Amino acid sequence: MNKRPDVFRVCALAIACAILLRLASGGLGAMVAQALGHEKMASVLLYLGTGRVACPAAPQEQTPDPTQLTAPGPEDNPVEFSPEDGQQIQVGNFAGVDVDIPTLLQMPLDWDLTEQSPTVLILHTHGSESYTGIPQEAQSSGYRSLDTAYNMVSMGDALAEYLTQAGIGVIHDRTLYDYPSYNDAYNLARAAIQGYLAQYPSICLVIDLHRDAAEDAAGNQVAFTAQIAGQEMAQLMIVTGSGSDTLPHPNWKENLALALKLQVQLEKQYPGLCRPLALRAQRYNQDLLPGAILVEVGTAGNTWDQAMASIEPLARSILTLAKGTEPE
């Protein structure tokens, strides 16, 4: 075996050590210490002394944080709707009222979500609603959680961040209105919405994020999913109310007109992501603002990851409506 490379390395190491000792004795000890601590110098000395090469440690695998999001900007121009757009969507009319979808789609949406701040309020009447498979320590009873990292508040956090990054002024109310009393949730949320609207008259859009629940014949929770661009997402369901004798909502068609427009935009961009829009003889506090809607993000049978994956499409579709609609 040829020993000459080893001899050269040993000689070079001796010379390097002599130089460093001379520098240290000359009052340059701090500089020498810094040089010895440098990663490249350490690699050189390792090679001269042993002949081995130091390999840098592999970087740790980074797990994406679903709340670290990047959203596109809002549409620069108002969007147009035609009567034919109504053929792309389905509506479950559980309220039994007359609905003219083509006419409602052409009702003007006179707002600019980018013009003033804040323009969007996100809240959760049933904030403790959660999903299948969350950590046991985060679980409450009946697919609920008081941990805001796993309940509807986390969905609102993500949606708020998307819209904020796109230049939309957002208020996210992270209050759990259904805890400790589930029955008082809508009354408590109503008072909060009224307070926000009084304090911030610039608010045009109120989004109440929920998650739905459905069981099969055996009592098992059912998950509603869609494959979008190769990713499994929880299906969304937009819900609007027409009011009732005890819960009047005389202007419900304005809310439905907005909901239909959002449903169309979602279906155009992400076919199959939405379940049929649900119109029910309820109010859902939507009488407080024509721009109030309720969105069910998946069901109790869906996983948290599936639900979180559907927030980006929801945000992108909202952004397409940021400038309102073209006047007729």
C-alpha atoms as a PDB file:
ATOM      1  CA  MET A   1       0.000   0.000   0.000  1.00  0.00           C
ATOM      2  CA  ASN A   2       1.315   3.511  -0.840  1.00  0.00           C
ATOM      3  CA  LYS A   3       2.118   5.406   2.382  1.00  0.00           C
ATOM      4  CA  ARG A   4       3.091   8.698   0.710  1.00  0.00           C
ATOM      5  CA  PRO A   5      -0.368  10.372   1.063  1.00  0.00           C
ATOM      6  CA  ASP A   6      -0.278   9.605   4.785  1.00  0.00           C
ATOM      7  CA  VAL A   7       3.189  11.182   5.120  1.00  0.00           C
ATOM      8  CA  PHE A   8       2.041  14.291   3.289  1.00  0.00           C
ATOM      9  CA  ARG A   9      -1.025  14.603   5.543  1.00  0.00           C
ATOM     10  CA  VAL A  10       1.018  14.240   8.750  1.00  0.00           C
ATOM     11  CA  CYS A  11       3.517  16.869   7.605  1.00  0.00           C
ATOM     12  CA  ALA A  12       0.737  19.250   6.619  1.00  0.00           C
ATOM     13  CA  LEU A  13      -0.952  18.726   9.985  1.00  0.00           C
ATOM     14  CA  ALA A  14       2.311  19.517  11.826  1.00  0.00           C
ATOM     15  CA  ILE A  15       2.770  22.720   9.824  1.00  0.00           C
ATOM     16  CA  ALA A  16      -0.851  23.795  10.461  1.00  0.00           C
ATOM     17  CA  CYS A  17      -0.501  23.197  14.203  1.00  0.00           C
ATOM     18  CA  ALA A  18       2.749  25.188  14.300  1.00  0.00           C
ATOM     19  CA  ILE A  19       1.111  28.135  12.556  1.00  0.00           C
ATOM     20  CA  LEU A  20      -1.873  28.097  14.917  1.00  0.00           C
ATOM     21  CA  LEU A  21       0.404  27.933  17.998  1.00  0.00           C
ATOM     22  CA  ARG A  22       2.476  30.846  16.694  1.00  0.00           C
ATOM     23  CA  LEU A  23      -0.653  32.940  16.156  1.00  0.00           C
ATOM     24  CA  ALA A  24      -1.949  32.112  19.620  1.00  0.00           C
ATOM     25  CA  SER A  25       1.359  33.103  21.266  1.00  0.00           C
ATOM     26  CA  GLY A  26       1.244  36.375  19.339  1.00  0.00           C
ATOM     27  CA  GLY A  27      -1.954  37.530  21.079  1.00  0.00           C
ATOM     28  CA  LEU A  28      -4.366  36.271  18.455  1.00  0.00           C
ATOM     29  CA  GLY A  29      -5.891  33.552  20.605  1.00  0.00           C
ATOM     30  CA  ALA A  30      -9.480  34.665  19.996  1.00  0.00           C
ATOM     31  CA  MET A  31      -9.015  34.498  16.244  1.00  0.00           C
ATOM     32  CA  VAL A  32      -7.456  31.044  16.534  1.00  0.00           C
ATOM     33  CA  ALA A  33     -10.338  29.799  18.673  1.00  0.00           C
ATOM     34  CA  GLN A  34     -12.845  31.126  16.154  1.00  0.00           C
ATOM     35  CA  ALA A  35     -10.975  29.440  13.305  1.00  0.00           C
ATOM     36  CA  LEU A  36     -10.854  26.111  15.114  1.00  0.00           C
ATOM     37  CA  GLY A  37     -14.590  26.315  15.753  1.00  0.00           C
ATOM     38  CA  HIS A  38     -15.406  26.914  12.113  1.00  0.00           C
ATOM     39  CA  GLU A  39     -17.047  23.923  10.417  1.00  0.00           C
ATOM     40  CA  LYS A  40     -14.737  23.997   7.386  1.00  0.00           C
ATOM     41  CA  MET A  41     -11.552  24.249   9.524  1.00  0.00           C
ATOM     42  CA  ALA A  42     -12.706  21.323  11.636  1.00  0.00           C
ATOM     43  CA  SER A  43     -13.205  19.276   8.459  1.00  0.00           C
ATOM     44  CA  VAL A  44      -9.680  20.126   7.227  1.00  0.00           C
ATOM     45  CA  LEU A  45      -8.049  19.140  10.520  1.00  0.00           C
ATOM     46  CA  LEU A  46     -10.049  15.904  10.604  1.00  0.00           C
ATOM     47  CA  TYR A  47      -8.774  14.971   7.161  1.00  0.00           C
ATOM     48  CA  LEU A  48      -5.147  15.872   7.911  1.00  0.00           C
ATOM     49  CA  GLY A  49      -5.172  13.873  11.129  1.00  0.00           C
ATOM     50  CA  THR A  50      -7.109  10.780  10.054  1.00  0.00           C
ATOM     51  CA  GLY A  51      -7.685  10.849   6.315  1.00  0.00           C
ATOM     52  CA  ARG A  52     -11.449  10.743   6.866  1.00  0.00           C
ATOM     53  CA  VAL A  53     -13.869  13.236   5.326  1.00  0.00           C
ATOM     54  CA  ALA A  54     -16.618  14.765   7.456  1.00  0.00           C
ATOM     55  CA  CYS A  55     -20.070  14.458   5.890  1.00  0.00           C
ATOM     56  CA  PRO A  56     -22.638  17.107   6.820  1.00  0.00           C
ATOM     57  CA  ALA A  57     -25.599  15.851   8.790  1.00  0.00           C
ATOM     58  CA  ALA A  58     -28.758  15.344   6.750  1.00  0.00           C
ATOM     59  CA  PRO A  59     -31.342  18.049   7.417  1.00  0.00           C
ATOM     60  CA  GLN A  60     -34.324  17.001   9.496  1.00  0.00           C
ATOM     61  CA  GLU A  61     -37.476  16.315   7.526  1.00  0.00           C
ATOM     62  CA  GLN A  62     -39.845  19.246   7.847  1.00  0.00           C
ATOM     63  CA  THR A  63     -43.523  18.496   8.325  1.00  0.00           C
ATOM     64  CA  PRO A  64     -45.642  21.214   6.702  1.00  0.00           C
ATOM     65  CA  ASP A  65     -47.718  23.247   9.126  1.00  0.00           C
ATOM     66  CA  PRO A  66     -51.262  23.443   7.686  1.00  0.00           C
ATOM     67  CA  THR A  67     -51.648  26.916   9.158  1.00  0.00           C
ATOM     68  CA  GLN A  68     -48.607  28.255   7.285  1.00  0.00           C
ATOM     69  CA  LEU A  69     -50.487  28.996   4.120  1.00  0.00           C
ATOM     70  CA  THR A  70     -49.977  30.949   0.938  1.00  0.00           C
ATOM     71  CA  ALA A  71     -53.032  32.336  -0.777  1.00  0.00           C
ATOM     72  CA  PRO A  72     -53.428  34.078  -4.122  1.00  0.00           C
ATOM     73  CA  GLY A  73     -54.608  37.650  -4.264  1.00  0.00           C
ATOM     74  CA  PRO A  74     -58.275  38.453  -4.752  1.00  0.00           C
ATOM     75  CA  GLU A  75     -59.756  38.793  -8.211  1.00  0.00           C
ATOM     76  CA  ASP A  76     -59.010  42.195  -9.733  1.00  0.00           C
ATOM     77  CA  ASN A  77     -62.402  42.489 -11.404  1.00  0.00           C
ATOM     78  CA  PRO A  78     -66.003  41.723 -10.505  1.00  0.00           C
ATOM     79  CA  VAL A  79     -67.234  38.300 -11.576  1.00  0.00           C
ATOM     80  CA  GLU A  80     -70.158  37.616 -13.918  1.00  0.00           C
ATOM     81  CA  PHE A  81     -72.875  35.005 -13.489  1.00  0.00           C
ATOM     82  CA  SER A  82     -75.311  33.738 -16.072  1.00  0.00           C
ATOM     83  CA  PRO A  83     -78.624  31.911 -15.644  1.00  0.00           C
ATOM     84  CA  GLU A  84     -76.909  28.819 -17.071  1.00  0.00           C
ATOM     85  CA  ASP A  85     -74.512  28.714 -14.096  1.00  0.00           C
ATOM     86  CA  GLY A  86     -77.358  27.371 -12.013  1.00  0.00           C
ATOM     87  CA  GLN A  87     -77.253  24.136 -13.989  1.00  0.00           C
ATOM     88  CA  GLN A  88     -73.860  23.311 -12.480  1.00  0.00           C
ATOM     89  CA  ILE A  89     -75.066  23.110  -8.886  1.00  0.00           C
ATOM     90  CA  GLN A  90     -77.584  21.229  -6.781  1.00  0.00           C
ATOM     91  CA  VAL A  91     -79.833  22.680  -4.084  1.00  0.00           C
ATOM     92  CA  GLY A  92     -81.623  20.699  -1.406  1.00  0.00           C
ATOM     93  CA  ASN A  93     -84.741  22.770  -0.737  1.00  0.00           C
ATOM     94  CA  PHE A  94     -85.785  21.419   2.659  1.00  0.00           C
ATOM     95  CA  ALA A  95     -87.670  24.619   3.445  1.00  0.00           C
ATOM     96  CA  GLY A  96     -90.328  24.048   0.786  1.00  0.00           C
ATOM     97  CA  VAL A  97     -90.153  27.645  -0.476  1.00  0.00           C
ATOM     98  CA  ASP A  98     -90.108  28.877  -4.059  1.00  0.00           C
ATOM     99  CA  VAL A  99     -86.580  29.405  -5.356  1.00  0.00           C
ATOM    100  CA  ASP A 100     -85.639  30.875  -8.741  1.00  0.00           C
ATOM    101  CA  ILE A 101     -81.958  30.007  -8.976  1.00  0.00           C
ATOM    102  CA  PRO A 102     -81.165  31.816 -12.289  1.00  0.00           C
ATOM    103  CA  THR A 103     -82.709  35.035 -10.988  1.00  0.00           C
ATOM    104  CA  LEU A 104     -80.903  34.821  -7.647  1.00  0.00           C
ATOM    105  CA  LEU A 105     -77.562  34.210  -9.353  1.00  0.00           C
ATOM    106  CA  GLN A 106     -77.982  37.465 -11.239  1.00  0.00           C
ATOM    107  CA  MET A 107     -78.797  39.510  -8.165  1.00  0.00           C
ATOM    108  CA  PRO A 108     -75.975  42.051  -7.693  1.00  0.00           C
ATOM    109  CA  LEU A 109     -73.270  41.442  -5.133  1.00  0.00           C
ATOM    110  CA  ASP A 110     -72.393  45.026  -4.325  1.00  0.00           C
ATOM    111  CA  TRP A 111     -69.268  44.865  -2.204  1.00  0.00           C
ATOM    112  CA  ASP A 112     -65.503  45.127  -2.336  1.00  0.00           C
ATOM    113  CA  LEU A 113     -63.863  42.998   0.326  1.00  0.00           C
ATOM    114  CA  THR A 114     -60.515  44.694  -0.368  1.00  0.00           C
ATOM    115  CA  GLU A 115     -61.750  48.273   0.027  1.00  0.00           C
ATOM    116  CA  GLN A 116     -62.124  48.716   3.779  1.00  0.00           C
ATOM    117  CA  SER A 117     -60.979  46.838   6.835  1.00  0.00           C
ATOM    118  CA  PRO A 118     -62.274  44.666   8.305  1.00  0.00           C
ATOM    119  CA  THR A 119     -64.736  43.284   5.771  1.00  0.00           C
ATOM    120  CA  VAL A 120     -64.969  39.635   6.874  1.00  0.00           C
ATOM    121  CA  LEU A 121     -66.044  38.111  10.188  1.00  0.00           C
ATOM    122  CA  ILE A 122     -65.369  34.418  10.845  1.00  0.00           C
ATOM    123  CA  LEU A 123     -66.925  32.738  13.865  1.00  0.00           C
ATOM    124  CA  HIS A 124     -68.069  29.357  15.123  1.00  0.00           C
ATOM    125  CA  THR A 125     -71.484  28.993  16.736  1.00  0.00           C
ATOM    126  CA  HIS A 126     -70.584  25.364  17.455  1.00  0.00           C
ATOM    127  CA  GLY A 127     -66.857  25.844  17.875  1.00  0.00           C
ATOM    128  CA  SER A 128     -66.187  22.623  19.798  1.00  0.00           C
ATOM    129  CA  GLU A 129     -67.227  20.427  16.860  1.00  0.00           C
ATOM    130  CA  SER A 130     -64.339  18.196  15.811  1.00  0.00           C
ATOM    131  CA  TYR A 131     -63.382  15.155  13.755  1.00  0.00           C
ATOM    132  CA  THR A 132     -62.503  11.478  13.763  1.00  0.00           C
ATOM    133  CA  GLY A 133     -59.022  10.445  14.821  1.00  0.00           C
ATOM    134  CA  ILE A 134     -57.856  13.504  16.751  1.00  0.00           C
ATOM    135  CA  PRO A 135     -55.477  12.791  19.680  1.00  0.00           C
ATOM    136  CA  GLN A 136     -57.215  11.190  22.628  1.00  0.00           C
ATOM    137  CA  GLU A 137     -56.111  13.921  25.019  1.00  0.00           C
ATOM    138  CA  ALA A 138     -57.830  16.502  22.798  1.00  0.00           C
ATOM    139  CA  GLN A 139     -61.143  14.639  22.611  1.00  0.00           C
ATOM    140  CA  SER A 140     -64.262  15.645  24.430  1.00  0.00           C
ATOM    141  CA  SER A 141     -67.586  13.801  24.163  1.00  0.00           C
ATOM    142  CA  GLY A 142     -69.456  13.166  20.923  1.00  0.00           C
ATOM    143  CA  TYR A 143     -66.772  14.140  18.400  1.00  0.00           C
ATOM    144  CA  ARG A 144     -66.098  17.410  20.129  1.00  0.00           C
ATOM    145  CA  SER A 145     -62.975  19.045  21.479  1.00  0.00           C
ATOM    146  CA  LEU A 146     -62.190  22.062  23.617  1.00  0.00           C
ATOM    147  CA  ASP A 147     -58.702  22.117  22.110  1.00  0.00           C
ATOM    148  CA  THR A 148     -58.703  24.900  19.517  1.00  0.00           C
ATOM    149  CA  ALA A 149     -55.948  23.112  17.605  1.00  0.00           C
ATOM    150  CA  TYR A 150     -58.427  20.359  16.665  1.00  0.00           C
ATOM    151  CA  ASN A 151     -61.897  21.905  16.653  1.00  0.00           C
ATOM    152  CA  MET A 152     -63.564  24.392  14.311  1.00  0.00           C
ATOM    153  CA  VAL A 153     -61.401  27.235  15.573  1.00  0.00           C
ATOM    154  CA  SER A 154     -58.416  25.658  13.796  1.00  0.00           C
ATOM    155  CA  MET A 155     -60.386  25.720  10.536  1.00  0.00           C
ATOM    156  CA  GLY A 156     -61.185  29.379  11.110  1.00  0.00           C
ATOM    157  CA  ASP A 157     -57.540  30.129  11.853  1.00  0.00           C
ATOM    158  CA  ALA A 158     -56.528  28.692   8.485  1.00  0.00           C
ATOM    159  CA  LEU A 159     -59.291  30.458   6.550  1.00  0.00           C
ATOM    160  CA  ALA A 160     -58.515  33.760   8.258  1.00  0.00           C
ATOM    161  CA  GLU A 161     -54.825  33.432   7.400  1.00  0.00           C
ATOM    162  CA  TYR A 162     -55.554  32.712   3.745  1.00  0.00           C
ATOM    163  CA  LEU A 163     -57.822  35.730   3.399  1.00  0.00           C
ATOM    164  CA  THR A 164     -55.512  37.995   5.384  1.00  0.00           C
ATOM    165  CA  GLN A 165     -52.517  37.049   3.222  1.00  0.00           C
ATOM    166  CA  ALA A 166     -54.613  37.964   0.193  1.00  0.00           C
ATOM    167  CA  GLY A 167     -55.202  41.462   1.574  1.00  0.00           C
ATOM    168  CA  ILE A 168     -58.657  40.959   3.081  1.00  0.00           C
ATOM    169  CA  GLY A 169     -59.337  42.471   6.496  1.00  0.00           C
ATOM    170  CA  VAL A 170     -60.570  39.647   8.746  1.00  0.00           C
ATOM    171  CA  ILE A 171     -61.844  39.361  12.296  1.00  0.00           C
ATOM    172  CA  HIS A 172     -61.732  35.800  13.601  1.00  0.00           C
ATOM    173  CA  ASP A 173     -63.816  35.266  16.715  1.00  0.00           C
ATOM    174  CA  ARG A 174     -62.323  32.155  18.369  1.00  0.00           C
ATOM    175  CA  THR A 175     -64.953  31.942  21.121  1.00  0.00           C
ATOM    176  CA  LEU A 176     -66.563  28.543  21.797  1.00  0.00           C
ATOM    177  CA  TYR A 177     -70.200  29.637  21.938  1.00  0.00           C
ATOM    178  CA  ASP A 178     -71.417  26.064  22.442  1.00  0.00           C
ATOM    179  CA  TYR A 179     -69.481  25.572  25.678  1.00  0.00           C
ATOM    180  CA  PRO A 180     -70.530  25.050  28.389  1.00  0.00           C
ATOM    181  CA  SER A 181     -74.128  25.375  27.081  1.00  0.00           C
ATOM    182  CA  TYR A 182     -74.854  23.973  23.622  1.00  0.00           C
ATOM    183  CA  ASN A 183     -78.471  25.195  23.652  1.00  0.00           C
ATOM    184  CA  ASP A 184     -77.468  28.835  24.141  1.00  0.00           C
ATOM    185  CA  ALA A 185     -74.942  28.832  21.309  1.00  0.00           C
ATOM    186  CA  TYR A 186     -76.980  30.654  18.664  1.00  0.00           C
ATOM    187  CA  ASN A 187     -78.202  33.305  21.102  1.00  0.00           C
ATOM    188  CA  LEU A 188     -74.660  33.964  22.319  1.00  0.00           C
ATOM    189  CA  ALA A 189     -73.282  34.060  18.789  1.00  0.00           C
ATOM    190  CA  ARG A 190     -76.092  36.392  17.726  1.00  0.00           C
ATOM    191  CA  ALA A 191     -75.209  38.928  20.397  1.00  0.00           C
ATOM    192  CA  ALA A 192     -71.556  38.746  19.368  1.00  0.00           C
ATOM    193  CA  ILE A 193     -72.334  39.280  15.672  1.00  0.00           C
ATOM    194  CA  GLN A 194     -74.514  42.273  16.491  1.00  0.00           C
ATOM    195  CA  GLY A 195     -71.665  43.741  18.512  1.00  0.00           C
ATOM    196  CA  TYR A 196     -69.154  43.282  15.704  1.00  0.00           C
ATOM    197  CA  LEU A 197     -71.491  44.795  13.107  1.00  0.00           C
ATOM    198  CA  ALA A 198     -72.082  47.821  15.325  1.00  0.00           C
ATOM    199  CA  GLN A 199     -68.370  48.298  15.958  1.00  0.00           C
ATOM    200  CA  TYR A 200     -67.240  47.515  12.397  1.00  0.00           C
ATOM    201  CA  PRO A 201     -69.909  48.589   9.886  1.00  0.00           C
ATOM    202  CA  SER A 202     -67.429  47.762   7.101  1.00  0.00           C
ATOM    203  CA  ILE A 203     -68.133  44.025   7.585  1.00  0.00           C
ATOM    204  CA  CYS A 204     -69.771  42.606   4.457  1.00  0.00           C
ATOM    205  CA  LEU A 205     -69.314  38.864   4.894  1.00  0.00           C
ATOM    206  CA  VAL A 206     -69.996  36.717   7.966  1.00  0.00           C
ATOM    207  CA  ILE A 207     -68.879  33.076   7.744  1.00  0.00           C
ATOM    208  CA  ASP A 208     -70.066  30.658  10.416  1.00  0.00           C
ATOM    209  CA  LEU A 209     -67.868  27.549  10.131  1.00  0.00           C
ATOM    210  CA  HIS A 210     -69.340  24.253  11.382  1.00  0.00           C
ATOM    211  CA  ARG A 211     -68.886  20.571  10.693  1.00  0.00           C
ATOM    212  CA  ASP A 212     -71.810  18.286   9.879  1.00  0.00           C
ATOM    213  CA  ALA A 213     -72.600  14.794  11.209  1.00  0.00           C
ATOM    214  CA  ALA A 214     -74.145  11.781   9.484  1.00  0.00           C
ATOM    215  CA  GLU A 215     -74.559   8.141  10.512  1.00  0.00           C
ATOM    216  CA  ASP A 216     -75.098   4.953   8.549  1.00  0.00           C
ATOM    217  CA  ALA A 217     -77.707   2.322   9.433  1.00  0.00           C
ATOM    218  CA  ALA A 218     -75.334   0.780  11.984  1.00  0.00           C
ATOM    219  CA  GLY A 219     -74.802   4.080  13.761  1.00  0.00           C
ATOM    220  CA  ASN A 220     -71.291   4.657  12.433  1.00  0.00           C
ATOM    221  CA  GLN A 221     -70.140   8.128  11.474  1.00  0.00           C
ATOM    222  CA  VAL A 222     -70.041   8.699   7.721  1.00  0.00           C
ATOM    223  CA  ALA A 223     -67.276  10.666   6.031  1.00  0.00           C
ATOM    224  CA  PHE A 224     -68.005  12.733   2.913  1.00  0.00           C
ATOM    225  CA  THR A 225     -64.854  13.100   0.819  1.00  0.00           C
ATOM    226  CA  ALA A 226     -63.776  14.291  -2.607  1.00  0.00           C
ATOM    227  CA  GLN A 227     -60.579  13.694  -4.559  1.00  0.00           C
ATOM    228  CA  ILE A 228     -59.272  17.073  -5.686  1.00  0.00           C
ATOM    229  CA  ALA A 229     -55.946  17.190  -7.560  1.00  0.00           C
ATOM    230  CA  GLY A 230     -54.997  13.852  -6.035  1.00  0.00           C
ATOM    231  CA  GLN A 231     -55.747  14.954  -2.487  1.00  0.00           C
ATOM    232  CA  GLU A 232     -58.553  13.607  -0.314  1.00  0.00           C
ATOM    233  CA  MET A 233     -60.639  16.466   1.043  1.00  0.00           C
ATOM    234  CA  ALA A 234     -63.700  16.705   3.245  1.00  0.00           C
ATOM    235  CA  GLN A 235     -66.700  17.856   1.253  1.00  0.00           C
ATOM    236  CA  LEU A 236     -68.149  21.270   2.019  1.00  0.00           C
ATOM    237  CA  MET A 237     -71.827  22.065   2.415  1.00  0.00           C
ATOM    238  CA  ILE A 238     -73.180  25.608   2.331  1.00  0.00           C
ATOM    239  CA  VAL A 239     -76.307  26.076   4.443  1.00  0.00           C
ATOM    240  CA  THR A 240     -78.793  28.942   4.330  1.00  0.00           C
ATOM    241  CA  GLY A 241     -82.052  29.552   6.141  1.00  0.00           C
ATOM    242  CA  SER A 242     -85.383  30.875   4.910  1.00  0.00           C
ATOM    243  CA  GLY A 243     -86.648  31.598   8.408  1.00  0.00           C
ATOM    244  CA  SER A 244     -89.827  30.358  10.036  1.00  0.00           C
ATOM    245  CA  ASP A 245     -92.851  31.661  11.919  1.00  0.00           C
ATOM    246  CA  THR A 246     -90.861  31.844  15.146  1.00  0.00           C
ATOM    247  CA  LEU A 247     -87.558  32.836  13.513  1.00  0.00           C
ATOM    248  CA  PRO A 248     -88.449  35.421  10.857  1.00  0.00           C
ATOM    249  CA  HIS A 249     -85.977  36.122   8.079  1.00  0.00           C
ATOM    250  CA  PRO A 250     -87.736  38.289   5.473  1.00  0.00           C
ATOM    251  CA  ASN A 251     -84.638  38.932   3.321  1.00  0.00           C
ATOM    252  CA  TRP A 252     -83.414  35.348   3.118  1.00  0.00           C
ATOM    253  CA  LYS A 253     -83.186  35.441  -0.681  1.00  0.00           C
ATOM    254  CA  GLU A 254     -80.259  37.868  -0.448  1.00  0.00           C
ATOM    255  CA  ASN A 255     -78.308  35.404   1.665  1.00  0.00           C
ATOM    256  CA  LEU A 256     -79.249  32.568  -0.662  1.00  0.00           C
ATOM    257  CA  ALA A 257     -78.117  34.608  -3.675  1.00  0.00           C
ATOM    258  CA  LEU A 258     -74.650  34.924  -2.132  1.00  0.00           C
ATOM    259  CA  ALA A 259     -74.556  31.245  -1.167  1.00  0.00           C
ATOM    260  CA  LEU A 260     -75.469  30.217  -4.714  1.00  0.00           C
ATOM    261  CA  LYS A 261     -72.682  32.354  -6.166  1.00  0.00           C
ATOM    262  CA  LEU A 262     -70.130  30.794  -3.830  1.00  0.00           C
ATOM    263  CA  GLN A 263     -71.441  27.308  -4.649  1.00  0.00           C
ATOM    264  CA  VAL A 264     -71.033  28.011  -8.375  1.00  0.00           C
ATOM    265  CA  GLN A 265     -67.467  29.253  -7.923  1.00  0.00           C
ATOM    266  CA  LEU A 266     -66.536  26.210  -5.856  1.00  0.00           C
ATOM    267  CA  GLU A 267     -68.067  23.844  -8.397  1.00  0.00           C
ATOM    268  CA  LYS A 268     -66.338  25.563 -11.313  1.00  0.00           C
ATOM    269  CA  GLN A 269     -62.912  25.390  -9.714  1.00  0.00           C
ATOM    270  CA  TYR A 270     -63.225  22.199  -7.641  1.00  0.00           C
ATOM    271  CA  PRO A 271     -65.896  19.925  -9.148  1.00  0.00           C
ATOM    272  CA  GLY A 272     -67.287  17.520  -6.580  1.00  0.00           C
ATOM    273  CA  LEU A 273     -65.958  19.316  -3.506  1.00  0.00           C
ATOM    274  CA  CYS A 274     -69.403  20.583  -2.499  1.00  0.00           C
ATOM    275  CA  ARG A 275     -72.416  18.630  -1.386  1.00  0.00           C
ATOM    276  CA  PRO A 276     -75.748  20.101  -2.515  1.00  0.00           C
ATOM    277  CA  LEU A 277     -76.476  23.480  -0.967  1.00  0.00           C
ATOM    278  CA  ALA A 278     -78.975  23.059   1.882  1.00  0.00           C
ATOM    279  CA  LEU A 279     -81.878  25.509   2.275  1.00  0.00           C
ATOM    280  CA  ARG A 280     -83.737  24.984   5.544  1.00  0.00           C
ATOM    281  CA  ALA A 281     -86.574  26.615   7.456  1.00  0.00           C
ATOM    282  CA  GLN A 282     -84.135  28.024   9.994  1.00  0.00           C
ATOM    283  CA  ARG A 283     -82.420  31.365  10.434  1.00  0.00           C
ATOM    284  CA  TYR A 284     -78.839  30.688  11.609  1.00  0.00           C
ATOM    285  CA  ASN A 285     -78.491  34.395  12.530  1.00  0.00           C
ATOM    286  CA  GLN A 286     -78.283  35.150   8.807  1.00  0.00           C
ATOM    287  CA  ASP A 287     -81.001  37.775   9.133  1.00  0.00           C
ATOM    288  CA  LEU A 288     -78.380  40.081  10.673  1.00  0.00           C
ATOM    289  CA  LEU A 289     -76.558  40.615   7.357  1.00  0.00           C
ATOM    290  CA  PRO A 290     -77.294  39.790   3.690  1.00  0.00           C
ATOM    291  CA  GLY A 291     -73.712  38.528   3.441  1.00  0.00           C
ATOM    292  CA  ALA A 292     -74.021  35.907   6.194  1.00  0.00           C
ATOM    293  CA  ILE A 293     -73.539  32.234   5.319  1.00  0.00           C
ATOM    294  CA  LEU A 294     -72.935  28.950   7.129  1.00  0.00           C
ATOM    295  CA  VAL A 295     -70.405  26.425   5.821  1.00  0.00           C
ATOM    296  CA  GLU A 296     -70.171  22.841   7.053  1.00  0.00           C
ATOM    297  CA  VAL A 297     -66.567  21.644   6.707  1.00  0.00           C
ATOM    298  CA  GLY A 298     -66.879  17.888   6.411  1.00  0.00           C
ATOM    299  CA  THR A 299     -68.595  15.644   8.934  1.00  0.00           C
ATOM    300  CA  ALA A 300     -67.704  14.014  12.235  1.00  0.00           C
ATOM    301  CA  GLY A 301     -66.623  10.984  10.205  1.00  0.00           C
ATOM    302  CA  ASN A 302     -63.962  12.950   8.363  1.00  0.00           C
ATOM    303  CA  THR A 303     -60.456  13.375   9.702  1.00  0.00           C
ATOM    304  CA  TRP A 304     -59.034  16.717  10.738  1.00  0.00           C
ATOM    305  CA  ASP A 305     -56.540  16.544   7.857  1.00  0.00           C
ATOM    306  CA  GLN A 306     -59.311  16.016   5.303  1.00  0.00           C
ATOM    307  CA  ALA A 307     -61.206  18.988   6.690  1.00  0.00           C
ATOM    308  CA  MET A 308     -58.148  21.235   6.751  1.00  0.00           C
ATOM    309  CA  ALA A 309     -57.383  20.345   3.136  1.00  0.00           C
ATOM    310  CA  SER A 310     -60.723  21.800   1.999  1.00  0.00           C
ATOM    311  CA  ILE A 311     -60.068  25.219   3.547  1.00  0.00           C
ATOM    312  CA  GLU A 312     -57.778  26.374   0.743  1.00  0.00           C
ATOM    313  CA  PRO A 313     -60.399  25.784  -1.992  1.00  0.00           C
ATOM    314  CA  LEU A 314     -62.972  27.574   0.156  1.00  0.00           C
ATOM    315  CA  ALA A 315     -60.652  30.555   0.585  1.00  0.00           C
ATOM    316  CA  ARG A 316     -59.783  30.692  -3.106  1.00  0.00           C
ATOM    317  CA  SER A 317     -63.450  30.630  -4.084  1.00  0.00           C
ATOM    318  CA  ILE A 318     -64.278  33.421  -1.643  1.00  0.00           C
ATOM    319  CA  LEU A 319     -61.457  35.472  -3.160  1.00  0.00           C
ATOM    320  CA  THR A 320     -63.040  35.176  -6.611  1.00  0.00           C
ATOM    321  CA  LEU A 321     -65.998  37.103  -5.179  1.00  0.00           C
ATOM    322  CA  ALA A 322     -63.889  39.759  -3.455  1.00  0.00           C
ATOM    323  CA  LYS A 323     -64.805  42.483  -5.956  1.00  0.00           C
ATOM    324  CA  GLY A 324     -68.493  41.600  -6.105  1.00  0.00           C
ATOM    325  CA  THR A 325     -70.346  41.078  -9.373  1.00  0.00           C
ATOM    326  CA  GLU A 326     -70.593  43.002 -12.607  1.00  0.00           C
ATOM    327  CA  PRO A 327     -73.572  45.396 -12.643  1.00  0.00           C
ATOM    328  CA  GLU A 328     -76.190  44.617 -15.249  1.00  0.00           C
END
